[in-house]
Amino acid sequence: MRTVTFLVLEGVDKGRVFRDLSVPVTIGREEGNVLRLNDERISRYHAKVQSEEDDIILTDLESTNGTRVNGATIQIRRLRPGDQVSIGRSMLLFGTMEEIEARRVAATPASHGGTQTIRADELAAASGRVSVAAASRKPEPIAPGEWSARDTDIPPLPNRLSGAQAARLAEIFDYLHRGVTNAVENIEANEEGTEVRLGFNEWQTIQAVQMLLARYGRMVSEPETHE
């Protein structure tokens, strides 16, 4: 049976992961939805996700405020790993990190005129047809200098934070998250979802977040210079 995964990027339920939901999946604010969100701007039964001819299809159920995929208002749309679905004040990321990474690899052209080999399971995951995690293999280790958002590659948070420390860390995360969210809200994607266009103001915002992360990193590693 086909399953889908959504991560809530923005909204009251920010940070929640709805993992391996069996299709069909209804999305809305009312009890009875498989994916229920606490958002008053979402209709009771807002949208539906279903499998059709090996594709994952998102359909707006004549909602009051509409459904957008990668910034474009849609009535029905094929979903691919990495697509951003906006409903109400909430933004959802479609796919697992493994599926999104497989799509990125499949879309990356071979460098220096060489040939790029993509496994069949990676190609299937890139199209959203099957999860790489379900392909009964361990994820490939990332190369030095590369970045990955897979659960196995994410550095853990420090343990035993005091209440005040946890509150401050959450405040920093929320501030940085808000900056990135403001930048990506206006990204325009092509019909295939393989390319996005970023305005200069949004690019400056992302650079500012990058700069703040660098400053926070320096403050953590050299606290005596910032007392």
N, C-alpha and C. Protein backbone atom coordinates (compact mmCIF):
# COMPACT_ATOMS: atom_id res chain seq x y z
N MET A 1 0.84 -1.19 0.00
CA MET A 1 0.00 0.00 0.00
C MET A 1 0.88 1.24 0.00
N ARG A 2 0.52 2.22 -0.83
CA ARG A 2 1.28 3.45 -0.91
C ARG A 2 1.13 4.28 0.36
N THR A 3 2.21 4.90 0.78
CA THR A 3 2.17 5.79 1.93
C THR A 3 2.81 7.11 1.57
N VAL A 4 2.45 8.15 2.32
CA VAL A 4 3.01 9.49 2.10
C VAL A 4 3.44 10.07 3.44
N THR A 5 4.37 11.01 3.37
CA THR A 5 4.87 11.68 4.57
C THR A 5 4.82 13.19 4.35
N PHE A 6 4.35 13.91 5.37
CA PHE A 6 4.33 15.37 5.33
C PHE A 6 4.99 15.92 6.59
N LEU A 7 5.81 16.95 6.43
CA LEU A 7 6.40 17.68 7.55
C LEU A 7 5.82 19.08 7.56
N VAL A 8 5.33 19.53 8.72
CA VAL A 8 4.75 20.86 8.83
C VAL A 8 5.87 21.88 9.02
N LEU A 9 6.03 22.76 8.03
CA LEU A 9 7.07 23.77 8.07
C LEU A 9 6.62 25.05 8.75
N GLU A 10 5.35 25.38 8.65
CA GLU A 10 4.84 26.64 9.18
C GLU A 10 3.41 26.44 9.64
N GLY A 11 3.04 27.17 10.70
CA GLY A 11 1.70 27.06 11.25
C GLY A 11 1.73 26.62 12.71
N VAL A 12 0.56 26.48 13.30
CA VAL A 12 0.47 26.08 14.71
C VAL A 12 1.13 24.73 14.95
N ASP A 13 1.04 23.84 13.98
CA ASP A 13 1.61 22.49 14.12
C ASP A 13 3.04 22.39 13.62
N LYS A 14 3.72 23.52 13.47
CA LYS A 14 5.09 23.55 12.96
C LYS A 14 5.99 22.54 13.65
N GLY A 15 6.72 21.75 12.86
CA GLY A 15 7.64 20.76 13.40
C GLY A 15 7.06 19.36 13.49
N ARG A 16 5.74 19.22 13.37
CA ARG A 16 5.14 17.89 13.43
C ARG A 16 5.41 17.14 12.13
N VAL A 17 5.59 15.83 12.26
CA VAL A 17 5.80 14.98 11.09
C VAL A 17 4.66 13.96 11.03
N PHE A 18 3.95 13.95 9.91
CA PHE A 18 2.92 12.95 9.66
C PHE A 18 3.54 11.91 8.73
N ARG A 19 4.00 10.83 9.32
CA ARG A 19 4.87 9.89 8.61
C ARG A 19 4.10 8.63 8.17
N ASP A 20 4.40 8.21 6.93
CA ASP A 20 3.89 6.94 6.40
C ASP A 20 2.37 6.81 6.53
N LEU A 21 1.66 7.83 6.05
CA LEU A 21 0.20 7.79 6.05
C LEU A 21 -0.28 6.99 4.84
N SER A 22 -1.15 6.04 5.05
CA SER A 22 -1.68 5.24 3.95
C SER A 22 -2.68 6.07 3.15
N VAL A 23 -2.48 6.10 1.83
CA VAL A 23 -3.39 6.84 0.96
C VAL A 23 -4.67 6.01 0.73
N PRO A 24 -5.81 6.69 0.55
CA PRO A 24 -5.98 8.14 0.43
C PRO A 24 -5.91 8.84 1.79
N VAL A 25 -5.50 10.12 1.76
CA VAL A 25 -5.35 10.93 2.96
C VAL A 25 -6.16 12.21 2.78
N THR A 26 -7.04 12.50 3.73
CA THR A 26 -7.74 13.78 3.73
C THR A 26 -7.03 14.74 4.68
N ILE A 27 -7.01 16.02 4.29
CA ILE A 27 -6.36 17.06 5.08
C ILE A 27 -7.42 18.10 5.46
N GLY A 28 -7.48 18.45 6.74
CA GLY A 28 -8.45 19.45 7.17
C GLY A 28 -8.33 19.71 8.66
N ARG A 29 -9.21 20.56 9.16
CA ARG A 29 -9.14 20.92 10.58
C ARG A 29 -10.09 20.10 11.45
N GLU A 30 -10.98 19.33 10.83
CA GLU A 30 -11.99 18.59 11.57
C GLU A 30 -11.50 17.19 11.94
N GLU A 31 -11.97 16.69 13.08
CA GLU A 31 -11.69 15.31 13.43
C GLU A 31 -12.26 14.39 12.36
N GLY A 32 -11.53 13.33 12.08
CA GLY A 32 -11.92 12.43 11.00
C GLY A 32 -10.99 12.53 9.82
N ASN A 33 -10.20 13.63 9.75
CA ASN A 33 -9.17 13.74 8.73
C ASN A 33 -7.95 12.92 9.14
N VAL A 34 -7.33 12.26 8.20
CA VAL A 34 -6.10 11.53 8.50
C VAL A 34 -5.00 12.50 8.91
N LEU A 35 -4.92 13.64 8.20
CA LEU A 35 -3.95 14.68 8.52
C LEU A 35 -4.74 15.89 9.00
N ARG A 36 -4.83 16.02 10.32
CA ARG A 36 -5.64 17.09 10.93
C ARG A 36 -4.73 18.19 11.45
N LEU A 37 -5.04 19.44 11.04
CA LEU A 37 -4.22 20.58 11.42
C LEU A 37 -5.05 21.58 12.22
N ASN A 38 -4.41 22.20 13.21
CA ASN A 38 -5.07 23.20 14.04
C ASN A 38 -4.90 24.58 13.40
N ASP A 39 -5.73 24.86 12.43
CA ASP A 39 -5.62 26.11 11.66
C ASP A 39 -7.03 26.52 11.25
N GLU A 40 -7.49 27.67 11.80
CA GLU A 40 -8.87 28.09 11.53
C GLU A 40 -9.08 28.53 10.08
N ARG A 41 -8.01 28.78 9.34
CA ARG A 41 -8.14 29.18 7.94
C ARG A 41 -8.19 27.97 7.00
N ILE A 42 -8.06 26.79 7.57
CA ILE A 42 -8.19 25.56 6.78
C ILE A 42 -9.64 25.08 6.86
N SER A 43 -10.17 24.64 5.74
CA SER A 43 -11.55 24.14 5.72
C SER A 43 -11.65 22.83 6.50
N ARG A 44 -12.88 22.48 6.86
CA ARG A 44 -13.09 21.24 7.63
C ARG A 44 -12.51 20.04 6.90
N TYR A 45 -12.80 19.94 5.61
CA TYR A 45 -12.17 18.93 4.75
C TYR A 45 -11.59 19.70 3.57
N HIS A 46 -10.31 19.99 3.65
CA HIS A 46 -9.68 20.97 2.77
C HIS A 46 -9.14 20.36 1.48
N ALA A 47 -8.45 19.24 1.59
CA ALA A 47 -7.79 18.64 0.42
C ALA A 47 -7.68 17.14 0.60
N LYS A 48 -7.40 16.46 -0.50
CA LYS A 48 -7.28 15.01 -0.47
C LYS A 48 -6.04 14.59 -1.25
N VAL A 49 -5.32 13.62 -0.71
CA VAL A 49 -4.14 13.05 -1.36
C VAL A 49 -4.45 11.60 -1.70
N GLN A 50 -4.25 11.23 -2.95
CA GLN A 50 -4.55 9.86 -3.36
C GLN A 50 -3.52 9.38 -4.38
N SER A 51 -3.50 8.08 -4.58
CA SER A 51 -2.59 7.46 -5.54
C SER A 51 -3.37 7.11 -6.79
N GLU A 52 -2.79 7.48 -7.94
CA GLU A 52 -3.45 7.19 -9.21
C GLU A 52 -2.39 6.94 -10.28
N GLU A 53 -2.38 5.75 -10.84
CA GLU A 53 -1.44 5.38 -11.89
C GLU A 53 0.01 5.68 -11.47
N ASP A 54 0.36 5.24 -10.27
CA ASP A 54 1.72 5.37 -9.73
C ASP A 54 2.10 6.80 -9.37
N ASP A 55 1.18 7.74 -9.46
CA ASP A 55 1.45 9.11 -9.06
C ASP A 55 0.69 9.44 -7.79
N ILE A 56 1.22 10.41 -7.03
CA ILE A 56 0.52 10.94 -5.87
C ILE A 56 -0.17 12.23 -6.30
N ILE A 57 -1.48 12.28 -6.15
CA ILE A 57 -2.28 13.40 -6.64
C ILE A 57 -2.88 14.15 -5.45
N LEU A 58 -2.73 15.48 -5.46
CA LEU A 58 -3.34 16.35 -4.46
C LEU A 58 -4.51 17.08 -5.10
N THR A 59 -5.67 17.03 -4.46
CA THR A 59 -6.87 17.68 -4.98
C THR A 59 -7.45 18.60 -3.93
N ASP A 60 -7.73 19.85 -4.31
CA ASP A 60 -8.41 20.78 -3.41
C ASP A 60 -9.90 20.44 -3.40
N LEU A 61 -10.46 20.31 -2.20
CA LEU A 61 -11.86 19.91 -2.06
C LEU A 61 -12.77 21.13 -1.96
N GLU A 62 -12.62 22.05 -2.93
CA GLU A 62 -13.41 23.28 -2.97
C GLU A 62 -13.32 24.02 -1.65
N SER A 63 -12.09 24.15 -1.14
CA SER A 63 -11.86 24.82 0.14
C SER A 63 -12.12 26.32 0.02
N THR A 64 -12.34 26.95 1.17
CA THR A 64 -12.63 28.39 1.18
C THR A 64 -11.43 29.22 0.77
N ASN A 65 -10.26 28.89 1.28
CA ASN A 65 -9.07 29.71 1.03
C ASN A 65 -8.10 29.10 0.04
N GLY A 66 -8.43 27.97 -0.54
CA GLY A 66 -7.62 27.41 -1.61
C GLY A 66 -6.39 26.65 -1.14
N THR A 67 -5.73 26.04 -2.10
CA THR A 67 -4.52 25.24 -1.87
C THR A 67 -3.45 25.68 -2.86
N ARG A 68 -2.22 25.82 -2.38
CA ARG A 68 -1.11 26.20 -3.26
C ARG A 68 -0.01 25.16 -3.17
N VAL A 69 0.63 24.91 -4.30
CA VAL A 69 1.80 24.03 -4.36
C VAL A 69 2.94 24.84 -4.96
N ASN A 70 4.02 24.97 -4.20
CA ASN A 70 5.17 25.77 -4.63
C ASN A 70 4.76 27.18 -5.04
N GLY A 71 3.79 27.74 -4.31
CA GLY A 71 3.36 29.11 -4.55
C GLY A 71 2.25 29.28 -5.55
N ALA A 72 1.91 28.25 -6.32
CA ALA A 72 0.88 28.35 -7.36
C ALA A 72 -0.43 27.75 -6.86
N THR A 73 -1.53 28.48 -7.04
CA THR A 73 -2.84 27.98 -6.66
C THR A 73 -3.24 26.83 -7.56
N ILE A 74 -3.73 25.75 -6.96
CA ILE A 74 -4.05 24.55 -7.74
C ILE A 74 -5.45 24.04 -7.40
N GLN A 75 -6.00 23.28 -8.32
CA GLN A 75 -7.22 22.52 -8.06
C GLN A 75 -6.87 21.04 -7.94
N ILE A 76 -5.98 20.59 -8.84
CA ILE A 76 -5.47 19.22 -8.78
C ILE A 76 -4.02 19.27 -9.26
N ARG A 77 -3.15 18.51 -8.61
CA ARG A 77 -1.72 18.60 -8.92
C ARG A 77 -1.02 17.31 -8.53
N ARG A 78 -0.09 16.88 -9.36
CA ARG A 78 0.76 15.74 -9.01
C ARG A 78 1.84 16.22 -8.05
N LEU A 79 2.02 15.51 -6.95
CA LEU A 79 3.02 15.89 -5.96
C LEU A 79 4.31 15.13 -6.18
N ARG A 80 5.43 15.84 -5.98
CA ARG A 80 6.75 15.23 -6.04
C ARG A 80 7.48 15.53 -4.74
N PRO A 81 8.38 14.65 -4.31
CA PRO A 81 9.11 14.91 -3.07
C PRO A 81 9.79 16.28 -3.09
N GLY A 82 9.61 17.03 -2.01
CA GLY A 82 10.18 18.36 -1.91
C GLY A 82 9.19 19.46 -2.22
N ASP A 83 8.02 19.12 -2.75
CA ASP A 83 6.99 20.14 -3.02
C ASP A 83 6.48 20.72 -1.70
N GLN A 84 6.19 22.02 -1.73
CA GLN A 84 5.64 22.70 -0.57
C GLN A 84 4.15 22.96 -0.80
N VAL A 85 3.34 22.49 0.12
CA VAL A 85 1.88 22.63 0.03
C VAL A 85 1.43 23.64 1.07
N SER A 86 0.79 24.72 0.62
CA SER A 86 0.32 25.78 1.52
C SER A 86 -1.20 25.73 1.59
N ILE A 87 -1.71 25.57 2.80
CA ILE A 87 -3.15 25.60 3.05
C ILE A 87 -3.38 26.41 4.31
N GLY A 88 -4.27 27.40 4.23
CA GLY A 88 -4.47 28.28 5.37
C GLY A 88 -3.17 28.98 5.73
N ARG A 89 -2.86 28.96 7.02
CA ARG A 89 -1.59 29.54 7.48
C ARG A 89 -0.50 28.48 7.62
N SER A 90 -0.78 27.28 7.18
CA SER A 90 0.16 26.17 7.33
C SER A 90 0.87 25.87 6.02
N MET A 91 2.12 25.45 6.14
CA MET A 91 2.90 25.02 4.99
C MET A 91 3.45 23.63 5.26
N LEU A 92 3.23 22.71 4.33
CA LEU A 92 3.66 21.32 4.48
C LEU A 92 4.72 20.99 3.44
N LEU A 93 5.70 20.22 3.86
CA LEU A 93 6.71 19.69 2.94
C LEU A 93 6.35 18.25 2.64
N PHE A 94 6.25 17.92 1.35
CA PHE A 94 5.86 16.56 0.95
C PHE A 94 7.09 15.69 0.77
N GLY A 95 7.05 14.49 1.36
CA GLY A 95 8.12 13.51 1.17
C GLY A 95 9.05 13.40 2.36
N THR A 96 9.71 12.25 2.45
CA THR A 96 10.75 12.06 3.46
C THR A 96 12.04 12.70 2.98
N MET A 97 12.98 12.87 3.89
CA MET A 97 14.27 13.43 3.50
C MET A 97 14.97 12.54 2.49
N GLU A 98 14.79 11.21 2.62
CA GLU A 98 15.40 10.28 1.68
C GLU A 98 14.80 10.44 0.28
N GLU A 99 13.48 10.61 0.21
CA GLU A 99 12.82 10.79 -1.08
C GLU A 99 13.24 12.10 -1.74
N ILE A 100 13.34 13.15 -0.92
CA ILE A 100 13.75 14.46 -1.46
C ILE A 100 15.19 14.40 -1.96
N GLU A 101 16.05 13.74 -1.19
CA GLU A 101 17.45 13.61 -1.61
C GLU A 101 17.55 12.80 -2.90
N ALA A 102 16.75 11.72 -3.02
CA ALA A 102 16.78 10.91 -4.23
C ALA A 102 16.34 11.72 -5.44
N ARG A 103 15.36 12.59 -5.25
CA ARG A 103 14.92 13.44 -6.36
C ARG A 103 16.02 14.43 -6.76
N ARG A 104 16.70 14.97 -5.74
CA ARG A 104 17.78 15.91 -6.04
C ARG A 104 18.88 15.23 -6.83
N VAL A 105 19.24 14.00 -6.43
CA VAL A 105 20.29 13.26 -7.13
C VAL A 105 19.86 12.97 -8.56
N ALA A 106 18.59 12.58 -8.73
CA ALA A 106 18.10 12.26 -10.07
C ALA A 106 18.08 13.47 -10.98
N ALA A 107 17.90 14.67 -10.39
CA ALA A 107 17.81 15.89 -11.19
C ALA A 107 19.16 16.55 -11.42
N THR A 108 20.21 16.08 -10.70
CA THR A 108 21.53 16.70 -10.83
C THR A 108 22.22 16.19 -12.07
N PRO A 109 22.61 17.08 -12.99
CA PRO A 109 23.30 16.62 -14.20
C PRO A 109 24.69 16.10 -13.88
N ALA A 110 25.16 15.15 -14.67
CA ALA A 110 26.51 14.62 -14.48
C ALA A 110 27.52 15.73 -14.72
N SER A 111 28.53 15.80 -13.87
CA SER A 111 29.54 16.84 -13.99
C SER A 111 30.70 16.38 -14.86
N HIS A 112 31.34 17.38 -15.51
CA HIS A 112 32.53 17.13 -16.33
C HIS A 112 32.25 16.12 -17.44
N GLY A 113 31.02 16.10 -17.93
CA GLY A 113 30.72 15.23 -19.06
C GLY A 113 30.67 13.76 -18.71
N GLY A 114 30.72 13.43 -17.41
CA GLY A 114 30.71 12.03 -17.01
C GLY A 114 29.29 11.48 -17.00
N THR A 115 29.17 10.23 -16.68
CA THR A 115 27.87 9.58 -16.64
C THR A 115 27.46 9.38 -15.20
N GLN A 116 26.24 9.74 -14.90
CA GLN A 116 25.71 9.58 -13.55
C GLN A 116 24.80 8.37 -13.51
N THR A 117 25.07 7.46 -12.57
CA THR A 117 24.26 6.25 -12.43
C THR A 117 23.30 6.43 -11.27
N ILE A 118 22.03 6.15 -11.50
CA ILE A 118 21.01 6.27 -10.48
C ILE A 118 20.33 4.93 -10.32
N ARG A 119 20.27 4.43 -9.07
CA ARG A 119 19.63 3.15 -8.83
C ARG A 119 18.13 3.24 -9.10
N ALA A 120 17.54 2.09 -9.40
CA ALA A 120 16.11 2.06 -9.71
C ALA A 120 15.28 2.52 -8.52
N ASP A 121 15.71 2.15 -7.29
CA ASP A 121 14.94 2.55 -6.13
C ASP A 121 15.02 4.05 -5.90
N GLU A 122 16.18 4.67 -6.22
CA GLU A 122 16.30 6.11 -6.10
C GLU A 122 15.41 6.82 -7.10
N LEU A 123 15.36 6.28 -8.33
CA LEU A 123 14.53 6.89 -9.36
C LEU A 123 13.05 6.80 -8.98
N ALA A 124 12.66 5.66 -8.41
CA ALA A 124 11.27 5.51 -7.98
C ALA A 124 10.94 6.47 -6.85
N ALA A 125 11.89 6.62 -5.92
CA ALA A 125 11.67 7.55 -4.81
C ALA A 125 11.59 8.98 -5.30
N ALA A 126 12.40 9.31 -6.30
CA ALA A 126 12.40 10.67 -6.84
C ALA A 126 11.06 11.01 -7.46
N SER A 127 10.37 10.04 -7.99
CA SER A 127 9.06 10.29 -8.60
C SER A 127 7.94 10.18 -7.57
N GLY A 128 8.30 9.82 -6.32
CA GLY A 128 7.30 9.70 -5.27
C GLY A 128 6.59 8.37 -5.26
N ARG A 129 7.09 7.40 -6.02
CA ARG A 129 6.36 6.14 -6.14
C ARG A 129 6.66 5.17 -5.00
N VAL A 130 7.81 5.28 -4.39
CA VAL A 130 8.15 4.40 -3.29
C VAL A 130 9.21 5.08 -2.46
N SER A 131 9.19 4.84 -1.15
CA SER A 131 10.16 5.44 -0.26
C SER A 131 11.48 4.69 -0.33
N VAL A 132 12.57 5.45 -0.40
CA VAL A 132 13.89 4.81 -0.37
C VAL A 132 14.07 4.05 0.93
N ALA A 133 13.48 4.59 2.00
CA ALA A 133 13.61 3.92 3.30
C ALA A 133 12.97 2.54 3.27
N ALA A 134 12.01 2.36 2.36
CA ALA A 134 11.34 1.06 2.27
C ALA A 134 12.04 0.12 1.31
N ALA A 135 13.16 0.53 0.78
CA ALA A 135 13.86 -0.29 -0.21
C ALA A 135 14.82 -1.28 0.43
N SER A 136 14.73 -1.44 1.76
CA SER A 136 15.52 -2.43 2.49
C SER A 136 17.02 -2.26 2.28
N ARG A 137 17.47 -1.02 2.44
CA ARG A 137 18.90 -0.79 2.37
C ARG A 137 19.24 0.37 3.30
N LYS A 138 20.48 0.40 3.75
CA LYS A 138 20.93 1.49 4.59
C LYS A 138 21.27 2.70 3.72
N PRO A 139 20.99 3.94 4.21
CA PRO A 139 21.31 5.12 3.42
C PRO A 139 22.81 5.22 3.16
N GLU A 140 23.17 5.68 1.98
CA GLU A 140 24.57 5.88 1.65
C GLU A 140 25.14 6.99 2.52
N PRO A 141 26.37 6.84 3.03
CA PRO A 141 26.97 7.93 3.80
C PRO A 141 27.21 9.14 2.92
N ILE A 142 27.03 10.33 3.50
CA ILE A 142 27.24 11.54 2.71
C ILE A 142 28.73 11.80 2.57
N ALA A 143 29.10 12.38 1.43
CA ALA A 143 30.50 12.70 1.17
C ALA A 143 30.91 13.91 1.99
N PRO A 144 32.21 14.04 2.31
CA PRO A 144 32.69 15.20 3.05
C PRO A 144 32.30 16.50 2.35
N GLY A 145 31.78 17.44 3.12
CA GLY A 145 31.40 18.72 2.55
C GLY A 145 29.97 18.78 2.06
N GLU A 146 29.31 17.62 1.90
CA GLU A 146 27.92 17.62 1.47
C GLU A 146 27.00 17.79 2.67
N TRP A 147 25.76 18.16 2.39
CA TRP A 147 24.79 18.42 3.45
C TRP A 147 23.60 17.50 3.27
N SER A 148 23.06 17.02 4.38
CA SER A 148 21.92 16.12 4.32
C SER A 148 20.99 16.42 5.48
N ALA A 149 19.68 16.28 5.24
CA ALA A 149 18.69 16.47 6.30
C ALA A 149 18.09 15.15 6.75
N ARG A 150 18.75 14.04 6.40
CA ARG A 150 18.26 12.74 6.85
C ARG A 150 18.40 12.63 8.37
N ASP A 151 17.47 11.90 8.97
CA ASP A 151 17.48 11.76 10.43
C ASP A 151 18.82 11.23 10.93
N THR A 152 19.45 10.34 10.16
CA THR A 152 20.70 9.73 10.60
C THR A 152 21.88 10.70 10.52
N ASP A 153 21.71 11.82 9.81
CA ASP A 153 22.82 12.77 9.64
C ASP A 153 22.67 14.04 10.45
N ILE A 154 21.51 14.23 11.08
CA ILE A 154 21.27 15.47 11.82
C ILE A 154 21.98 15.42 13.17
N PRO A 155 22.81 16.43 13.51
CA PRO A 155 23.46 16.45 14.82
C PRO A 155 22.41 16.54 15.93
N PRO A 156 22.62 15.85 17.05
CA PRO A 156 21.63 15.87 18.12
C PRO A 156 21.68 17.18 18.91
N LEU A 157 20.58 17.51 19.53
CA LEU A 157 20.54 18.66 20.42
C LEU A 157 21.24 18.31 21.73
N PRO A 158 21.76 19.31 22.44
CA PRO A 158 22.39 19.02 23.73
C PRO A 158 21.37 18.51 24.74
N ASN A 159 21.82 17.63 25.62
CA ASN A 159 20.95 17.06 26.64
C ASN A 159 20.95 17.93 27.89
N ARG A 160 19.90 17.77 28.69
CA ARG A 160 19.81 18.37 30.02
C ARG A 160 19.93 19.88 29.99
N LEU A 161 19.24 20.51 29.09
CA LEU A 161 19.18 21.97 29.10
C LEU A 161 18.28 22.42 30.25
N SER A 162 18.64 23.52 30.88
CA SER A 162 17.76 24.08 31.89
C SER A 162 16.55 24.69 31.21
N GLY A 163 15.53 25.01 31.98
CA GLY A 163 14.34 25.61 31.40
C GLY A 163 14.65 26.91 30.68
N ALA A 164 15.51 27.73 31.28
CA ALA A 164 15.87 29.01 30.67
C ALA A 164 16.67 28.80 29.38
N GLN A 165 17.59 27.83 29.40
CA GLN A 165 18.39 27.55 28.21
C GLN A 165 17.51 27.02 27.07
N ALA A 166 16.58 26.12 27.41
CA ALA A 166 15.68 25.59 26.39
C ALA A 166 14.81 26.69 25.79
N ALA A 167 14.35 27.60 26.63
CA ALA A 167 13.51 28.70 26.15
C ALA A 167 14.29 29.62 25.22
N ARG A 168 15.54 29.91 25.58
CA ARG A 168 16.36 30.78 24.72
C ARG A 168 16.68 30.11 23.39
N LEU A 169 17.00 28.80 23.44
CA LEU A 169 17.30 28.08 22.21
C LEU A 169 16.08 28.02 21.30
N ALA A 170 14.91 27.78 21.89
CA ALA A 170 13.68 27.76 21.10
C ALA A 170 13.40 29.12 20.47
N GLU A 171 13.70 30.19 21.20
CA GLU A 171 13.50 31.54 20.67
C GLU A 171 14.41 31.81 19.47
N ILE A 172 15.66 31.35 19.57
CA ILE A 172 16.60 31.52 18.45
C ILE A 172 16.13 30.72 17.24
N PHE A 173 15.75 29.46 17.47
CA PHE A 173 15.27 28.63 16.36
C PHE A 173 14.06 29.26 15.68
N ASP A 174 13.12 29.77 16.49
CA ASP A 174 11.91 30.36 15.94
C ASP A 174 12.23 31.60 15.12
N TYR A 175 13.16 32.40 15.59
CA TYR A 175 13.55 33.62 14.87
C TYR A 175 14.18 33.28 13.52
N LEU A 176 15.10 32.33 13.51
CA LEU A 176 15.75 31.93 12.26
C LEU A 176 14.75 31.25 11.32
N HIS A 177 13.89 30.43 11.89
CA HIS A 177 12.87 29.75 11.07
C HIS A 177 11.95 30.77 10.41
N ARG A 178 11.59 31.82 11.14
CA ARG A 178 10.72 32.85 10.59
C ARG A 178 11.38 33.57 9.42
N GLY A 179 12.69 33.81 9.54
CA GLY A 179 13.41 34.45 8.44
C GLY A 179 13.41 33.61 7.18
N VAL A 180 13.71 32.31 7.33
CA VAL A 180 13.72 31.42 6.17
C VAL A 180 12.32 31.29 5.58
N THR A 181 11.30 31.19 6.44
CA THR A 181 9.93 31.07 5.96
C THR A 181 9.52 32.29 5.14
N ASN A 182 9.86 33.49 5.63
CA ASN A 182 9.53 34.70 4.88
C ASN A 182 10.19 34.71 3.51
N ALA A 183 11.39 34.11 3.42
CA ALA A 183 12.11 34.09 2.15
C ALA A 183 11.49 33.10 1.17
N VAL A 184 11.13 31.92 1.64
CA VAL A 184 10.68 30.88 0.72
C VAL A 184 9.21 31.01 0.35
N GLU A 185 8.45 31.84 1.09
CA GLU A 185 7.03 31.99 0.78
C GLU A 185 6.80 32.53 -0.63
N ASN A 186 7.73 33.35 -1.12
CA ASN A 186 7.55 33.99 -2.42
C ASN A 186 8.37 33.33 -3.53
N ILE A 187 8.89 32.15 -3.26
CA ILE A 187 9.64 31.43 -4.30
C ILE A 187 8.67 30.95 -5.38
N GLU A 188 9.07 31.13 -6.63
CA GLU A 188 8.27 30.67 -7.76
C GLU A 188 8.94 29.44 -8.36
N ALA A 189 8.16 28.39 -8.57
CA ALA A 189 8.69 27.15 -9.15
C ALA A 189 8.09 26.93 -10.53
N ASN A 190 8.85 26.23 -11.39
CA ASN A 190 8.30 25.89 -12.70
C ASN A 190 7.30 24.75 -12.56
N GLU A 191 6.63 24.42 -13.65
CA GLU A 191 5.55 23.44 -13.61
C GLU A 191 6.03 22.08 -13.12
N GLU A 192 7.27 21.71 -13.51
CA GLU A 192 7.82 20.41 -13.12
C GLU A 192 8.33 20.40 -11.69
N GLY A 193 8.48 21.58 -11.09
CA GLY A 193 9.02 21.65 -9.75
C GLY A 193 10.50 21.37 -9.66
N THR A 194 11.22 21.48 -10.79
CA THR A 194 12.65 21.18 -10.81
C THR A 194 13.51 22.42 -10.67
N GLU A 195 12.93 23.60 -10.87
CA GLU A 195 13.67 24.85 -10.75
C GLU A 195 12.81 25.86 -10.01
N VAL A 196 13.48 26.70 -9.21
CA VAL A 196 12.76 27.76 -8.49
C VAL A 196 13.45 29.09 -8.76
N ARG A 197 12.67 30.15 -8.65
CA ARG A 197 13.20 31.50 -8.84
C ARG A 197 13.07 32.26 -7.53
N LEU A 198 14.17 32.87 -7.10
CA LEU A 198 14.22 33.56 -5.82
C LEU A 198 14.50 35.04 -6.06
N GLY A 199 13.62 35.90 -5.52
CA GLY A 199 13.81 37.34 -5.66
C GLY A 199 15.02 37.81 -4.86
N PHE A 200 15.52 39.00 -5.21
CA PHE A 200 16.72 39.51 -4.56
C PHE A 200 16.49 39.76 -3.07
N ASN A 201 15.31 40.29 -2.71
CA ASN A 201 15.03 40.54 -1.29
C ASN A 201 15.03 39.23 -0.50
N GLU A 202 14.45 38.19 -1.08
CA GLU A 202 14.42 36.89 -0.41
C GLU A 202 15.83 36.31 -0.29
N TRP A 203 16.62 36.49 -1.34
CA TRP A 203 18.01 36.02 -1.30
C TRP A 203 18.79 36.73 -0.20
N GLN A 204 18.55 38.03 -0.03
CA GLN A 204 19.21 38.77 1.05
C GLN A 204 18.79 38.24 2.41
N THR A 205 17.52 37.86 2.54
CA THR A 205 17.05 37.31 3.81
C THR A 205 17.75 36.00 4.14
N ILE A 206 17.89 35.13 3.14
CA ILE A 206 18.58 33.86 3.37
C ILE A 206 20.04 34.10 3.73
N GLN A 207 20.68 35.06 3.07
CA GLN A 207 22.07 35.39 3.40
C GLN A 207 22.17 35.93 4.83
N ALA A 208 21.16 36.71 5.25
CA ALA A 208 21.17 37.24 6.61
C ALA A 208 21.05 36.11 7.63
N VAL A 209 20.19 35.13 7.36
CA VAL A 209 20.06 33.97 8.25
C VAL A 209 21.38 33.20 8.31
N GLN A 210 22.02 33.03 7.16
CA GLN A 210 23.32 32.36 7.11
C GLN A 210 24.34 33.10 7.96
N MET A 211 24.33 34.43 7.88
CA MET A 211 25.26 35.24 8.66
C MET A 211 24.98 35.11 10.16
N LEU A 212 23.69 35.11 10.53
CA LEU A 212 23.34 34.97 11.94
C LEU A 212 23.76 33.61 12.49
N LEU A 213 23.59 32.56 11.70
CA LEU A 213 24.03 31.24 12.13
C LEU A 213 25.53 31.21 12.35
N ALA A 214 26.27 31.86 11.47
CA ALA A 214 27.72 31.92 11.63
C ALA A 214 28.09 32.66 12.91
N ARG A 215 27.38 33.75 13.20
CA ARG A 215 27.66 34.52 14.41
C ARG A 215 27.33 33.72 15.66
N TYR A 216 26.19 33.03 15.64
CA TYR A 216 25.83 32.20 16.79
C TYR A 216 26.85 31.09 16.99
N GLY A 217 27.32 30.49 15.91
CA GLY A 217 28.34 29.46 16.02
C GLY A 217 29.61 29.97 16.65
N ARG A 218 30.03 31.18 16.26
CA ARG A 218 31.23 31.78 16.86
C ARG A 218 31.01 32.10 18.33
N MET A 219 29.83 32.58 18.67
CA MET A 219 29.54 32.90 20.07
C MET A 219 29.54 31.66 20.96
N VAL A 220 29.12 30.53 20.40
CA VAL A 220 29.12 29.28 21.18
C VAL A 220 30.54 28.77 21.36
N SER A 221 31.35 28.83 20.30
CA SER A 221 32.70 28.28 20.37
C SER A 221 33.68 29.21 21.08
N GLU A 222 33.40 30.52 21.08
CA GLU A 222 34.30 31.48 21.73
C GLU A 222 33.48 32.41 22.62
N PRO A 223 32.87 31.88 23.67
CA PRO A 223 31.98 32.72 24.50
C PRO A 223 32.70 33.87 25.18
N GLU A 224 34.00 33.69 25.47
CA GLU A 224 34.72 34.74 26.19
C GLU A 224 34.85 36.02 25.39
N THR A 225 34.76 35.93 24.06
CA THR A 225 34.90 37.13 23.22
C THR A 225 33.59 37.88 23.08
N HIS A 226 32.51 37.35 23.66
CA HIS A 226 31.20 37.99 23.50
C HIS A 226 30.55 38.28 24.85
N GLU A 227 31.32 38.27 25.89
CA GLU A 227 30.77 38.56 27.22
C GLU A 227 30.57 40.06 27.39
